[in-house]
Amino acid sequence: QAQFVESGGGLVQPGGSLRLSCTASGTIFSLYAMGWYRQAPGKQRELVAAISSGGNTYYVDSGKGRFTISRDNAKNTVYLQMNSLRPEDTAVYYCNRDMRLQGRLPWGQGTQVTVSS
């Protein structure tokens, strides 16, 4: 059974930074394109960044220049470095396979990111 465990969220002031981590188990992580998603209250879950098995990346327009996705296949882990955080980045962040390319696996519990002064 595939499982994702996200961590690294927290409360940060506008302009601050966070680094999120997601560790996968029960799946052949290195073969998949992976994505970071977020869901704000009252909104649909959206893809904010993705990385292919070969390292090609995608970012939502609002994340370009601020977010960096990376992966360490040896550790079955994908990261999301978020800089210059804004209040509108407040959401629960999840990782999963890049669902533009393949079906999703069960969602993890996510990690809460709150950007507020």
PDB file of N, CA and C in Angstrom:
ATOM      1  N   GLN A   1       0.846  -1.186   0.000  1.00  0.00           N
ATOM      2  CA  GLN A   1       0.000   0.000   0.000  1.00  0.00           C
ATOM      3  C   GLN A   1       0.885   1.241   0.000  1.00  0.00           C
ATOM      4  N   ALA A   2       0.700   2.067  -1.038  1.00  0.00           N
ATOM      5  CA  ALA A   2       1.488   3.297  -1.129  1.00  0.00           C
ATOM      6  C   ALA A   2       1.077   4.260  -0.029  1.00  0.00           C
ATOM      7  N   GLN A   3       2.054   4.975   0.474  1.00  0.00           N
ATOM      8  CA  GLN A   3       1.792   5.952   1.529  1.00  0.00           C
ATOM      9  C   GLN A   3       2.722   7.140   1.360  1.00  0.00           C
ATOM     10  N   PHE A   4       2.157   8.336   1.552  1.00  0.00           N
ATOM     11  CA  PHE A   4       2.944   9.568   1.541  1.00  0.00           C
ATOM     12  C   PHE A   4       2.861  10.215   2.914  1.00  0.00           C
ATOM     13  N   VAL A   5       3.997  10.692   3.394  1.00  0.00           N
ATOM     14  CA  VAL A   5       4.040  11.398   4.665  1.00  0.00           C
ATOM     15  C   VAL A   5       4.677  12.756   4.424  1.00  0.00           C
ATOM     16  N   GLU A   6       3.864  13.806   4.592  1.00  0.00           N
ATOM     17  CA  GLU A   6       4.329  15.168   4.387  1.00  0.00           C
ATOM     18  C   GLU A   6       4.725  15.807   5.717  1.00  0.00           C
ATOM     19  N   SER A   7       5.709  16.703   5.657  1.00  0.00           N
ATOM     20  CA  SER A   7       6.142  17.421   6.847  1.00  0.00           C
ATOM     21  C   SER A   7       6.781  18.739   6.446  1.00  0.00           C
ATOM     22  N   GLY A   8       7.028  19.575   7.447  1.00  0.00           N
ATOM     23  CA  GLY A   8       7.743  20.820   7.216  1.00  0.00           C
ATOM     24  C   GLY A   8       6.897  22.070   7.216  1.00  0.00           C
ATOM     25  N   GLY A   9       5.586  21.915   7.324  1.00  0.00           N
ATOM     26  CA  GLY A   9       4.730  23.089   7.359  1.00  0.00           C
ATOM     27  C   GLY A   9       4.841  23.834   8.677  1.00  0.00           C
ATOM     28  N   GLY A  10       4.127  24.954   8.747  1.00  0.00           N
ATOM     29  CA  GLY A  10       4.131  25.744   9.966  1.00  0.00           C
ATOM     30  C   GLY A  10       3.577  27.119   9.725  1.00  0.00           C
ATOM     31  N   LEU A  11       3.739  27.948  10.743  1.00  0.00           N
ATOM     32  CA  LEU A  11       3.300  29.339  10.680  1.00  0.00           C
ATOM     33  C   LEU A  11       4.507  30.208  10.335  1.00  0.00           C
ATOM     34  N   VAL A  12       4.376  31.019   9.326  1.00  0.00           N
ATOM     35  CA  VAL A  12       5.481  31.863   8.890  1.00  0.00           C
ATOM     36  C   VAL A  12       4.929  33.232   8.507  1.00  0.00           C
ATOM     37  N   GLN A  13       5.729  34.263   8.701  1.00  0.00           N
ATOM     38  CA  GLN A  13       5.323  35.610   8.335  1.00  0.00           C
ATOM     39  C   GLN A  13       5.434  35.801   6.822  1.00  0.00           C
ATOM     40  N   PRO A  14       4.668  36.717   6.270  1.00  0.00           N
ATOM     41  CA  PRO A  14       4.819  37.030   4.840  1.00  0.00           C
ATOM     42  C   PRO A  14       6.268  37.367   4.514  1.00  0.00           C
ATOM     43  N   GLY A  15       6.729  36.822   3.400  1.00  0.00           N
ATOM     44  CA  GLY A  15       8.119  36.995   3.005  1.00  0.00           C
ATOM     45  C   GLY A  15       9.046  35.904   3.506  1.00  0.00           C
ATOM     46  N   GLY A  16       8.538  35.061   4.383  1.00  0.00           N
ATOM     47  CA  GLY A  16       9.350  33.988   4.938  1.00  0.00           C
ATOM     48  C   GLY A  16       9.468  32.790   4.026  1.00  0.00           C
ATOM     49  N   SER A  17      10.142  31.762   4.531  1.00  0.00           N
ATOM     50  CA  SER A  17      10.411  30.553   3.747  1.00  0.00           C
ATOM     51  C   SER A  17      10.079  29.306   4.551  1.00  0.00           C
ATOM     52  N   LEU A  18       9.741  28.276   3.817  1.00  0.00           N
ATOM     53  CA  LEU A  18       9.550  26.938   4.393  1.00  0.00           C
ATOM     54  C   LEU A  18      10.050  25.915   3.391  1.00  0.00           C
ATOM     55  N   ARG A  19      10.482  24.793   3.909  1.00  0.00           N
ATOM     56  CA  ARG A  19      10.853  23.664   3.068  1.00  0.00           C
ATOM     57  C   ARG A  19      10.012  22.464   3.464  1.00  0.00           C
ATOM     58  N   LEU A  20       9.185  22.029   2.547  1.00  0.00           N
ATOM     59  CA  LEU A  20       8.332  20.874   2.780  1.00  0.00           C
ATOM     60  C   LEU A  20       9.016  19.612   2.283  1.00  0.00           C
ATOM     61  N   SER A  21       8.741  18.513   2.973  1.00  0.00           N
ATOM     62  CA  SER A  21       9.263  17.207   2.573  1.00  0.00           C
ATOM     63  C   SER A  21       8.118  16.216   2.466  1.00  0.00           C
ATOM     64  N   CYS A  22       8.257  15.289   1.562  1.00  0.00           N
ATOM     65  CA  CYS A  22       7.279  14.207   1.413  1.00  0.00           C
ATOM     66  C   CYS A  22       8.039  12.931   1.151  1.00  0.00           C
ATOM     67  N   THR A  23       7.855  11.968   2.030  1.00  0.00           N
ATOM     68  CA  THR A  23       8.513  10.674   1.883  1.00  0.00           C
ATOM     69  C   THR A  23       7.484   9.629   1.490  1.00  0.00           C
ATOM     70  N   ALA A  24       7.822   8.863   0.480  1.00  0.00           N
ATOM     71  CA  ALA A  24       6.920   7.829  -0.042  1.00  0.00           C
ATOM     72  C   ALA A  24       7.378   6.454   0.395  1.00  0.00           C
ATOM     73  N   SER A  25       6.413   5.596   0.579  1.00  0.00           N
ATOM     74  CA  SER A  25       6.703   4.196   0.860  1.00  0.00           C
ATOM     75  C   SER A  25       5.681   3.329   0.140  1.00  0.00           C
ATOM     76  N   GLY A  26       6.044   2.088  -0.086  1.00  0.00           N
ATOM     77  CA  GLY A  26       5.108   1.165  -0.704  1.00  0.00           C
ATOM     78  C   GLY A  26       4.896   1.385  -2.185  1.00  0.00           C
ATOM     79  N   THR A  27       5.778   2.124  -2.824  1.00  0.00           N
ATOM     80  CA  THR A  27       5.634   2.374  -4.249  1.00  0.00           C
ATOM     81  C   THR A  27       7.013   2.590  -4.854  1.00  0.00           C
ATOM     82  N   ILE A  28       7.123   2.394  -6.156  1.00  0.00           N
ATOM     83  CA  ILE A  28       8.402   2.566  -6.839  1.00  0.00           C
ATOM     84  C   ILE A  28       8.552   4.037  -7.168  1.00  0.00           C
ATOM     85  N   PHE A  29       8.981   4.786  -6.193  1.00  0.00           N
ATOM     86  CA  PHE A  29       9.002   6.237  -6.237  1.00  0.00           C
ATOM     87  C   PHE A  29       9.762   6.774  -7.444  1.00  0.00           C
ATOM     88  N   SER A  30      10.910   6.211  -7.729  1.00  0.00           N
ATOM     89  CA  SER A  30      11.797   6.791  -8.737  1.00  0.00           C
ATOM     90  C   SER A  30      11.205   6.775 -10.142  1.00  0.00           C
ATOM     91  N   LEU A  31      10.192   5.961 -10.381  1.00  0.00           N
ATOM     92  CA  LEU A  31       9.613   5.857 -11.712  1.00  0.00           C
ATOM     93  C   LEU A  31       8.582   6.941 -12.005  1.00  0.00           C
ATOM     94  N   TYR A  32       8.099   7.608 -10.968  1.00  0.00           N
ATOM     95  CA  TYR A  32       6.945   8.478 -11.125  1.00  0.00           C
ATOM     96  C   TYR A  32       7.323   9.950 -11.178  1.00  0.00           C
ATOM     97  N   ALA A  33       6.575  10.677 -11.990  1.00  0.00           N
ATOM     98  CA  ALA A  33       6.564  12.125 -11.839  1.00  0.00           C
ATOM     99  C   ALA A  33       5.764  12.436 -10.583  1.00  0.00           C
ATOM    100  N   MET A  34       6.275  13.345  -9.779  1.00  0.00           N
ATOM    101  CA  MET A  34       5.655  13.670  -8.500  1.00  0.00           C
ATOM    102  C   MET A  34       5.201  15.127  -8.481  1.00  0.00           C
ATOM    103  N   GLY A  35       4.207  15.384  -7.690  1.00  0.00           N
ATOM    104  CA  GLY A  35       3.693  16.735  -7.593  1.00  0.00           C
ATOM    105  C   GLY A  35       3.403  17.149  -6.164  1.00  0.00           C
ATOM    106  N   TRP A  36       3.466  18.438  -5.939  1.00  0.00           N
ATOM    107  CA  TRP A  36       2.987  19.043  -4.697  1.00  0.00           C
ATOM    108  C   TRP A  36       1.665  19.741  -5.015  1.00  0.00           C
ATOM    109  N   TYR A  37       0.693  19.504  -4.164  1.00  0.00           N
ATOM    110  CA  TYR A  37      -0.628  20.069  -4.320  1.00  0.00           C
ATOM    111  C   TYR A  37      -0.959  20.853  -3.051  1.00  0.00           C
ATOM    112  N   ARG A  38      -1.918  21.757  -3.174  1.00  0.00           N
ATOM    113  CA  ARG A  38      -2.380  22.449  -1.973  1.00  0.00           C
ATOM    114  C   ARG A  38      -3.883  22.648  -2.052  1.00  0.00           C
ATOM    115  N   GLN A  39      -4.477  22.716  -0.881  1.00  0.00           N
ATOM    116  CA  GLN A  39      -5.912  22.965  -0.791  1.00  0.00           C
ATOM    117  C   GLN A  39      -6.166  23.986   0.300  1.00  0.00           C
ATOM    118  N   ALA A  40      -6.674  25.128  -0.106  1.00  0.00           N
ATOM    119  CA  ALA A  40      -7.046  26.175   0.829  1.00  0.00           C
ATOM    120  C   ALA A  40      -8.510  25.989   1.213  1.00  0.00           C
ATOM    121  N   PRO A  41      -8.912  26.520   2.362  1.00  0.00           N
ATOM    122  CA  PRO A  41     -10.308  26.361   2.790  1.00  0.00           C
ATOM    123  C   PRO A  41     -11.286  26.862   1.735  1.00  0.00           C
ATOM    124  N   GLY A  42     -12.247  26.021   1.403  1.00  0.00           N
ATOM    125  CA  GLY A  42     -13.267  26.409   0.436  1.00  0.00           C
ATOM    126  C   GLY A  42     -12.838  26.361  -1.009  1.00  0.00           C
ATOM    127  N   LYS A  43     -11.630  25.874  -1.260  1.00  0.00           N
ATOM    128  CA  LYS A  43     -11.132  25.823  -2.636  1.00  0.00           C
ATOM    129  C   LYS A  43     -10.768  24.395  -3.016  1.00  0.00           C
ATOM    130  N   GLN A  44     -10.690  24.175  -4.316  1.00  0.00           N
ATOM    131  CA  GLN A  44     -10.287  22.862  -4.803  1.00  0.00           C
ATOM    132  C   GLN A  44      -8.783  22.671  -4.646  1.00  0.00           C
ATOM    133  N   ARG A  45      -8.388  21.426  -4.546  1.00  0.00           N
ATOM    134  CA  ARG A  45      -6.971  21.109  -4.496  1.00  0.00           C
ATOM    135  C   ARG A  45      -6.352  21.440  -5.840  1.00  0.00           C
ATOM    136  N   GLU A  46      -5.166  22.065  -5.809  1.00  0.00           N
ATOM    137  CA  GLU A  46      -4.501  22.440  -7.045  1.00  0.00           C
ATOM    138  C   GLU A  46      -3.056  21.977  -7.036  1.00  0.00           C
ATOM    139  N   LEU A  47      -2.561  21.708  -8.234  1.00  0.00           N
ATOM    140  CA  LEU A  47      -1.160  21.361  -8.412  1.00  0.00           C
ATOM    141  C   LEU A  47      -0.341  22.637  -8.399  1.00  0.00           C
ATOM    142  N   VAL A  48       0.682  22.692  -7.557  1.00  0.00           N
ATOM    143  CA  VAL A  48       1.515  23.887  -7.502  1.00  0.00           C
ATOM    144  C   VAL A  48       2.899  23.656  -8.088  1.00  0.00           C
ATOM    145  N   ALA A  49       3.379  22.419  -8.091  1.00  0.00           N
ATOM    146  CA  ALA A  49       4.692  22.124  -8.650  1.00  0.00           C
ATOM    147  C   ALA A  49       4.773  20.635  -8.947  1.00  0.00           C
ATOM    148  N   ALA A  50       5.563  20.295  -9.945  1.00  0.00           N
ATOM    149  CA  ALA A  50       5.744  18.892 -10.297  1.00  0.00           C
ATOM    150  C   ALA A  50       7.156  18.683 -10.800  1.00  0.00           C
ATOM    151  N   ILE A  51       7.613  17.446 -10.664  1.00  0.00           N
ATOM    152  CA  ILE A  51       8.941  17.094 -11.136  1.00  0.00           C
ATOM    153  C   ILE A  51       8.878  15.698 -11.743  1.00  0.00           C
ATOM    154  N   SER A  52       9.430  15.567 -12.941  1.00  0.00           N
ATOM    155  CA  SER A  52       9.415  14.273 -13.616  1.00  0.00           C
ATOM    156  C   SER A  52      10.492  13.362 -13.026  1.00  0.00           C
ATOM    157  N   SER A  53      10.467  12.119 -13.429  1.00  0.00           N
ATOM    158  CA  SER A  53      11.494  11.185 -12.968  1.00  0.00           C
ATOM    159  C   SER A  53      12.872  11.634 -13.437  1.00  0.00           C
ATOM    160  N   GLY A  54      12.922  12.387 -14.526  1.00  0.00           N
ATOM    161  CA  GLY A  54      14.187  12.874 -15.044  1.00  0.00           C
ATOM    162  C   GLY A  54      14.584  14.248 -14.563  1.00  0.00           C
ATOM    163  N   GLY A  55      13.726  14.862 -13.740  1.00  0.00           N
ATOM    164  CA  GLY A  55      14.075  16.145 -13.151  1.00  0.00           C
ATOM    165  C   GLY A  55      13.479  17.371 -13.818  1.00  0.00           C
ATOM    166  N   ASN A  56      12.667  17.184 -14.854  1.00  0.00           N
ATOM    167  CA  ASN A  56      11.983  18.337 -15.442  1.00  0.00           C
ATOM    168  C   ASN A  56      10.919  18.844 -14.471  1.00  0.00           C
ATOM    169  N   THR A  57      10.785  20.153 -14.420  1.00  0.00           N
ATOM    170  CA  THR A  57       9.894  20.744 -13.426  1.00  0.00           C
ATOM    171  C   THR A  57       8.776  21.566 -14.061  1.00  0.00           C
ATOM    172  N   TYR A  58       7.722  21.699 -13.281  1.00  0.00           N
ATOM    173  CA  TYR A  58       6.561  22.530 -13.625  1.00  0.00           C
ATOM    174  C   TYR A  58       6.175  23.322 -12.391  1.00  0.00           C
ATOM    175  N   TYR A  59       5.760  24.580 -12.607  1.00  0.00           N
ATOM    176  CA  TYR A  59       5.278  25.404 -11.506  1.00  0.00           C
ATOM    177  C   TYR A  59       4.003  26.128 -11.932  1.00  0.00           C
ATOM    178  N   VAL A  60       3.089  26.246 -10.991  1.00  0.00           N
ATOM    179  CA  VAL A  60       1.936  27.105 -11.204  1.00  0.00           C
ATOM    180  C   VAL A  60       2.440  28.536 -11.331  1.00  0.00           C
ATOM    181  N   ASP A  61       1.731  29.346 -12.081  1.00  0.00           N
ATOM    182  CA  ASP A  61       2.231  30.703 -12.351  1.00  0.00           C
ATOM    183  C   ASP A  61       2.547  31.468 -11.065  1.00  0.00           C
ATOM    184  N   SER A  62       1.710  31.317 -10.053  1.00  0.00           N
ATOM    185  CA  SER A  62       1.922  32.070  -8.813  1.00  0.00           C
ATOM    186  C   SER A  62       3.143  31.596  -8.035  1.00  0.00           C
ATOM    187  N   GLY A  63       3.660  30.439  -8.399  1.00  0.00           N
ATOM    188  CA  GLY A  63       4.818  29.890  -7.698  1.00  0.00           C
ATOM    189  C   GLY A  63       6.132  30.080  -8.432  1.00  0.00           C
ATOM    190  N   LYS A  64       6.065  30.496  -9.663  1.00  0.00           N
ATOM    191  CA  LYS A  64       7.296  30.666 -10.449  1.00  0.00           C
ATOM    192  C   LYS A  64       8.197  31.728  -9.825  1.00  0.00           C
ATOM    193  N   GLY A  65       9.466  31.383  -9.682  1.00  0.00           N
ATOM    194  CA  GLY A  65      10.417  32.295  -9.074  1.00  0.00           C
ATOM    195  C   GLY A  65      10.430  32.264  -7.560  1.00  0.00           C
ATOM    196  N   ARG A  66       9.448  31.587  -6.956  1.00  0.00           N
ATOM    197  CA  ARG A  66       9.377  31.514  -5.482  1.00  0.00           C
ATOM    198  C   ARG A  66       9.500  30.080  -4.978  1.00  0.00           C
ATOM    199  N   PHE A  67       8.971  29.117  -5.735  1.00  0.00           N
ATOM    200  CA  PHE A  67       8.968  27.714  -5.314  1.00  0.00           C
ATOM    201  C   PHE A  67      10.000  26.929  -6.110  1.00  0.00           C
ATOM    202  N   THR A  68      10.624  25.966  -5.433  1.00  0.00           N
ATOM    203  CA  THR A  68      11.543  25.053  -6.105  1.00  0.00           C
ATOM    204  C   THR A  68      11.238  23.632  -5.659  1.00  0.00           C
ATOM    205  N   ILE A  69      10.927  22.779  -6.610  1.00  0.00           N
ATOM    206  CA  ILE A  69      10.679  21.375  -6.305  1.00  0.00           C
ATOM    207  C   ILE A  69      11.929  20.574  -6.636  1.00  0.00           C
ATOM    208  N   SER A  70      12.213  19.596  -5.814  1.00  0.00           N
ATOM    209  CA  SER A  70      13.359  18.712  -6.052  1.00  0.00           C
ATOM    210  C   SER A  70      13.025  17.330  -5.501  1.00  0.00           C
ATOM    211  N   ARG A  71      13.852  16.371  -5.851  1.00  0.00           N
ATOM    212  CA  ARG A  71      13.604  15.010  -5.387  1.00  0.00           C
ATOM    213  C   ARG A  71      14.918  14.317  -5.106  1.00  0.00           C
ATOM    214  N   ASP A  72      14.862  13.372  -4.173  1.00  0.00           N
ATOM    215  CA  ASP A  72      15.995  12.519  -3.856  1.00  0.00           C
ATOM    216  C   ASP A  72      15.476  11.085  -3.937  1.00  0.00           C
ATOM    217  N   ASN A  73      15.725  10.441  -5.058  1.00  0.00           N
ATOM    218  CA  ASN A  73      15.178   9.105  -5.271  1.00  0.00           C
ATOM    219  C   ASN A  73      15.749   8.080  -4.293  1.00  0.00           C
ATOM    220  N   ALA A  74      16.974   8.298  -3.853  1.00  0.00           N
ATOM    221  CA  ALA A  74      17.576   7.371  -2.901  1.00  0.00           C
ATOM    222  C   ALA A  74      16.842   7.388  -1.566  1.00  0.00           C
ATOM    223  N   LYS A  75      16.216   8.533  -1.267  1.00  0.00           N
ATOM    224  CA  LYS A  75      15.483   8.677  -0.008  1.00  0.00           C
ATOM    225  C   LYS A  75      13.974   8.602  -0.206  1.00  0.00           C
ATOM    226  N   ASN A  76      13.542   8.335  -1.451  1.00  0.00           N
ATOM    227  CA  ASN A  76      12.102   8.306  -1.745  1.00  0.00           C
ATOM    228  C   ASN A  76      11.404   9.582  -1.263  1.00  0.00           C
ATOM    229  N   THR A  77      12.054  10.713  -1.468  1.00  0.00           N
ATOM    230  CA  THR A  77      11.555  11.967  -0.916  1.00  0.00           C
ATOM    231  C   THR A  77      11.525  13.046  -1.982  1.00  0.00           C
ATOM    232  N   VAL A  78      10.454  13.838  -1.954  1.00  0.00           N
ATOM    233  CA  VAL A  78      10.327  15.019  -2.796  1.00  0.00           C
ATOM    234  C   VAL A  78      10.192  16.234  -1.879  1.00  0.00           C
ATOM    235  N   TYR A  79      10.808  17.330  -2.284  1.00  0.00           N
ATOM    236  CA  TYR A  79      10.858  18.546  -1.470  1.00  0.00           C
ATOM    237  C   TYR A  79      10.184  19.700  -2.211  1.00  0.00           C
ATOM    238  N   LEU A  80       9.733  20.661  -1.437  1.00  0.00           N
ATOM    239  CA  LEU A  80       9.242  21.904  -1.999  1.00  0.00           C
ATOM    240  C   LEU A  80       9.810  23.040  -1.160  1.00  0.00           C
ATOM    241  N   GLN A  81      10.749  23.769  -1.729  1.00  0.00           N
ATOM    242  CA  GLN A  81      11.292  24.968  -1.093  1.00  0.00           C
ATOM    243  C   GLN A  81      10.407  26.140  -1.489  1.00  0.00           C
ATOM    244  N   MET A  82       9.861  26.819  -0.511  1.00  0.00           N
ATOM    245  CA  MET A  82       8.972  27.949  -0.767  1.00  0.00           C
ATOM    246  C   MET A  82       9.568  29.203  -0.145  1.00  0.00           C
ATOM    247  N   ASN A  83       9.835  30.182  -0.968  1.00  0.00           N
ATOM    248  CA  ASN A  83      10.383  31.463  -0.526  1.00  0.00           C
ATOM    249  C   ASN A  83       9.374  32.577  -0.793  1.00  0.00           C
ATOM    250  N   SER A  84       9.624  33.709  -0.183  1.00  0.00           N
ATOM    251  CA  SER A  84       8.767  34.887  -0.387  1.00  0.00           C
ATOM    252  C   SER A  84       7.291  34.526  -0.230  1.00  0.00           C
ATOM    253  N   LEU A  85       6.993  33.836   0.838  1.00  0.00           N
ATOM    254  CA  LEU A  85       5.630  33.341   1.035  1.00  0.00           C
ATOM    255  C   LEU A  85       4.644  34.491   1.223  1.00  0.00           C
ATOM    256  N   ARG A  86       3.437  34.250   0.730  1.00  0.00           N
ATOM    257  CA  ARG A  86       2.354  35.228   0.759  1.00  0.00           C
ATOM    258  C   ARG A  86       1.171  34.648   1.527  1.00  0.00           C
ATOM    259  N   PRO A  87       0.318  35.496   2.069  1.00  0.00           N
ATOM    260  CA  PRO A  87      -0.875  34.966   2.763  1.00  0.00           C
ATOM    261  C   PRO A  87      -1.704  34.030   1.881  1.00  0.00           C
ATOM    262  N   GLU A  88      -1.746  34.275   0.598  1.00  0.00           N
ATOM    263  CA  GLU A  88      -2.531  33.411  -0.297  1.00  0.00           C
ATOM    264  C   GLU A  88      -1.903  32.043  -0.516  1.00  0.00           C
ATOM    265  N   ASP A  89      -0.703  31.819   0.003  1.00  0.00           N
ATOM    266  CA  ASP A  89      -0.098  30.481  -0.031  1.00  0.00           C
ATOM    267  C   ASP A  89      -0.602  29.609   1.120  1.00  0.00           C
ATOM    268  N   THR A  90      -1.371  30.189   2.017  1.00  0.00           N
ATOM    269  CA  THR A  90      -1.907  29.437   3.144  1.00  0.00           C
ATOM    270  C   THR A  90      -2.806  28.307   2.651  1.00  0.00           C
ATOM    271  N   ALA A  91      -2.492  27.091   3.063  1.00  0.00           N
ATOM    272  CA  ALA A  91      -3.228  25.910   2.604  1.00  0.00           C
ATOM    273  C   ALA A  91      -2.631  24.677   3.285  1.00  0.00           C
ATOM    274  N   VAL A  92      -3.311  23.558   3.105  1.00  0.00           N
ATOM    275  CA  VAL A  92      -2.721  22.270   3.429  1.00  0.00           C
ATOM    276  C   VAL A  92      -2.028  21.770   2.173  1.00  0.00           C
ATOM    277  N   TYR A  93      -0.774  21.376   2.323  1.00  0.00           N
ATOM    278  CA  TYR A  93       0.024  20.929   1.184  1.00  0.00           C
ATOM    279  C   TYR A  93       0.168  19.410   1.225  1.00  0.00           C
ATOM    280  N   TYR A  94      -0.011  18.812   0.065  1.00  0.00           N
ATOM    281  CA  TYR A  94       0.058  17.359  -0.101  1.00  0.00           C
ATOM    282  C   TYR A  94       1.001  17.018  -1.250  1.00  0.00           C
ATOM    283  N   CYS A  95       1.533  15.820  -1.211  1.00  0.00           N
ATOM    284  CA  CYS A  95       2.241  15.329  -2.390  1.00  0.00           C
ATOM    285  C   CYS A  95       1.519  14.093  -2.912  1.00  0.00           C
ATOM    286  N   ASN A  96       1.729  13.834  -4.174  1.00  0.00           N
ATOM    287  CA  ASN A  96       1.178  12.656  -4.829  1.00  0.00           C
ATOM    288  C   ASN A  96       1.853  12.545  -6.184  1.00  0.00           C
ATOM    289  N   ARG A  97       1.501  11.537  -6.933  1.00  0.00           N
ATOM    290  CA  ARG A  97       2.000  11.472  -8.289  1.00  0.00           C
ATOM    291  C   ARG A  97       1.448  12.652  -9.074  1.00  0.00           C
ATOM    292  N   ASP A  98       2.136  13.034 -10.117  1.00  0.00           N
ATOM    293  CA  ASP A  98       1.667  14.101 -10.990  1.00  0.00           C
ATOM    294  C   ASP A  98       0.447  13.569 -11.729  1.00  0.00           C
ATOM    295  N   MET A  99      -0.723  14.042 -11.325  1.00  0.00           N
ATOM    296  CA  MET A  99      -1.962  13.485 -11.845  1.00  0.00           C
ATOM    297  C   MET A  99      -2.299  13.958 -13.251  1.00  0.00           C
ATOM    298  N   ARG A 100      -1.477  14.834 -13.802  1.00  0.00           N
ATOM    299  CA  ARG A 100      -1.637  15.175 -15.218  1.00  0.00           C
ATOM    300  C   ARG A 100      -1.155  14.006 -16.088  1.00  0.00           C
ATOM    301  N   LEU A 101      -0.358  13.125 -15.496  1.00  0.00           N
ATOM    302  CA  LEU A 101       0.293  12.068 -16.257  1.00  0.00           C
ATOM    303  C   LEU A 101      -0.132  10.667 -15.841  1.00  0.00           C
ATOM    304  N   GLN A 102      -0.608  10.526 -14.609  1.00  0.00           N
ATOM    305  CA  GLN A 102      -0.897   9.190 -14.092  1.00  0.00           C
ATOM    306  C   GLN A 102      -1.903   9.305 -12.961  1.00  0.00           C
ATOM    307  N   GLY A 103      -2.498   8.199 -12.619  1.00  0.00           N
ATOM    308  CA  GLY A 103      -3.489   8.218 -11.557  1.00  0.00           C
ATOM    309  C   GLY A 103      -2.870   8.483 -10.198  1.00  0.00           C
ATOM    310  N   ARG A 104      -3.703   8.996  -9.292  1.00  0.00           N
ATOM    311  CA  ARG A 104      -3.186   9.312  -7.961  1.00  0.00           C
ATOM    312  C   ARG A 104      -3.155   8.066  -7.095  1.00  0.00           C
ATOM    313  N   LEU A 105      -2.335   8.155  -6.076  1.00  0.00           N
ATOM    314  CA  LEU A 105      -2.285   7.169  -5.004  1.00  0.00           C
ATOM    315  C   LEU A 105      -3.015   7.762  -3.799  1.00  0.00           C
ATOM    316  N   PRO A 106      -3.239   6.994  -2.750  1.00  0.00           N
ATOM    317  CA  PRO A 106      -3.954   7.563  -1.594  1.00  0.00           C
ATOM    318  C   PRO A 106      -3.253   8.795  -1.046  1.00  0.00           C
ATOM    319  N   TRP A 107      -4.049   9.791  -0.671  1.00  0.00           N
ATOM    320  CA  TRP A 107      -3.495  11.020  -0.111  1.00  0.00           C
ATOM    321  C   TRP A 107      -2.949  10.780   1.281  1.00  0.00           C
ATOM    322  N   GLY A 108      -1.886  11.490   1.620  1.00  0.00           N
ATOM    323  CA  GLY A 108      -1.391  11.516   2.973  1.00  0.00           C
ATOM    324  C   GLY A 108      -2.180  12.508   3.802  1.00  0.00           C
ATOM    325  N   GLN A 109      -1.669  12.804   4.984  1.00  0.00           N
ATOM    326  CA  GLN A 109      -2.394  13.718   5.885  1.00  0.00           C
ATOM    327  C   GLN A 109      -2.139  15.178   5.540  1.00  0.00           C
ATOM    328  N   GLY A 110      -1.134  15.430   4.736  1.00  0.00           N
ATOM    329  CA  GLY A 110      -0.792  16.800   4.376  1.00  0.00           C
ATOM    330  C   GLY A 110      -0.045  17.517   5.486  1.00  0.00           C
ATOM    331  N   THR A 111       0.430  18.709   5.156  1.00  0.00           N
ATOM    332  CA  THR A 111       1.107  19.557   6.138  1.00  0.00           C
ATOM    333  C   THR A 111       0.580  20.978   5.983  1.00  0.00           C
ATOM    334  N   GLN A 112       0.195  21.585   7.098  1.00  0.00           N
ATOM    335  CA  GLN A 112      -0.441  22.904   7.076  1.00  0.00           C
ATOM    336  C   GLN A 112       0.617  23.994   6.943  1.00  0.00           C
ATOM    337  N   VAL A 113       0.403  24.873   5.998  1.00  0.00           N
ATOM    338  CA  VAL A 113       1.223  26.069   5.839  1.00  0.00           C
ATOM    339  C   VAL A 113       0.327  27.274   6.077  1.00  0.00           C
ATOM    340  N   THR A 114       0.717  28.103   7.026  1.00  0.00           N
ATOM    341  CA  THR A 114      -0.035  29.309   7.339  1.00  0.00           C
ATOM    342  C   THR A 114       0.907  30.501   7.232  1.00  0.00           C
ATOM    343  N   VAL A 115       0.553  31.433   6.374  1.00  0.00           N
ATOM    344  CA  VAL A 115       1.355  32.637   6.175  1.00  0.00           C
ATOM    345  C   VAL A 115       0.558  33.811   6.720  1.00  0.00           C
ATOM    346  N   SER A 116       1.044  34.349   7.820  1.00  0.00           N
ATOM    347  CA  SER A 116       0.298  35.411   8.492  1.00  0.00           C
ATOM    348  C   SER A 116       1.236  36.210   9.367  1.00  0.00           C
ATOM    349  N   SER A 117       0.933  37.493   9.479  1.00  0.00           N
ATOM    350  CA  SER A 117       1.705  38.342  10.382  1.00  0.00           C
ATOM    351  C   SER A 117       1.032  38.415  11.743  1.00  0.00           C
TER     352      SER A 117
END
